[in-house]
Amino acid sequence: MSKQLTTGIAVAAALAVVGLFF
């Protein structure tokens, strides 16, 4: 898995968590 893809998934997951709690 490329570093860019991993970063993209991490950012998407972080945004999803922020969306759920805020």
N, C-alpha and C. Protein backbone atom coordinates (compact mmCIF):
# COMPACT_ATOMS: atom_id res chain seq x y z
N MET A 1 0.85 -1.20 0.00
CA MET A 1 0.00 0.00 0.00
C MET A 1 0.88 1.24 0.00
N SER A 2 0.56 2.18 -0.88
CA SER A 2 1.37 3.39 -0.97
C SER A 2 1.15 4.30 0.22
N LYS A 3 2.16 5.11 0.51
CA LYS A 3 2.06 6.02 1.66
C LYS A 3 0.95 7.03 1.44
N GLN A 4 0.79 7.49 0.18
CA GLN A 4 -0.25 8.48 -0.11
C GLN A 4 -1.63 7.90 0.16
N LEU A 5 -1.83 6.63 -0.24
CA LEU A 5 -3.13 5.99 -0.03
C LEU A 5 -3.40 5.81 1.46
N THR A 6 -2.38 5.38 2.20
CA THR A 6 -2.53 5.20 3.65
C THR A 6 -2.90 6.52 4.32
N THR A 7 -2.23 7.59 3.89
CA THR A 7 -2.53 8.92 4.45
C THR A 7 -3.95 9.33 4.13
N GLY A 8 -4.39 9.05 2.92
CA GLY A 8 -5.74 9.40 2.50
C GLY A 8 -6.78 8.68 3.36
N ILE A 9 -6.54 7.38 3.61
CA ILE A 9 -7.47 6.60 4.44
C ILE A 9 -7.48 7.15 5.86
N ALA A 10 -6.31 7.49 6.39
CA ALA A 10 -6.21 8.02 7.75
C ALA A 10 -6.97 9.34 7.87
N VAL A 11 -6.82 10.21 6.87
CA VAL A 11 -7.51 11.50 6.88
C VAL A 11 -9.02 11.28 6.78
N ALA A 12 -9.44 10.36 5.91
CA ALA A 12 -10.87 10.08 5.75
C ALA A 12 -11.46 9.54 7.05
N ALA A 13 -10.70 8.65 7.72
CA ALA A 13 -11.18 8.08 8.99
C ALA A 13 -11.28 9.18 10.05
N ALA A 14 -10.28 10.08 10.09
CA ALA A 14 -10.30 11.16 11.07
C ALA A 14 -11.50 12.07 10.83
N LEU A 15 -11.78 12.38 9.57
CA LEU A 15 -12.93 13.24 9.25
C LEU A 15 -14.23 12.55 9.64
N ALA A 16 -14.30 11.24 9.43
CA ALA A 16 -15.51 10.49 9.79
C ALA A 16 -15.74 10.53 11.30
N VAL A 17 -14.67 10.37 12.07
CA VAL A 17 -14.78 10.41 13.53
C VAL A 17 -15.21 11.80 13.99
N VAL A 18 -14.60 12.84 13.40
CA VAL A 18 -14.97 14.22 13.75
C VAL A 18 -16.44 14.46 13.40
N GLY A 19 -16.88 13.94 12.26
CA GLY A 19 -18.26 14.11 11.84
C GLY A 19 -19.23 13.42 12.80
N LEU A 20 -18.83 12.26 13.32
CA LEU A 20 -19.70 11.52 14.23
C LEU A 20 -19.85 12.22 15.58
N PHE A 21 -18.73 12.79 16.06
CA PHE A 21 -18.75 13.38 17.40
C PHE A 21 -19.05 14.87 17.41
N PHE A 22 -18.83 15.53 16.26
CA PHE A 22 -19.10 16.96 16.21
C PHE A 22 -20.07 17.28 15.06
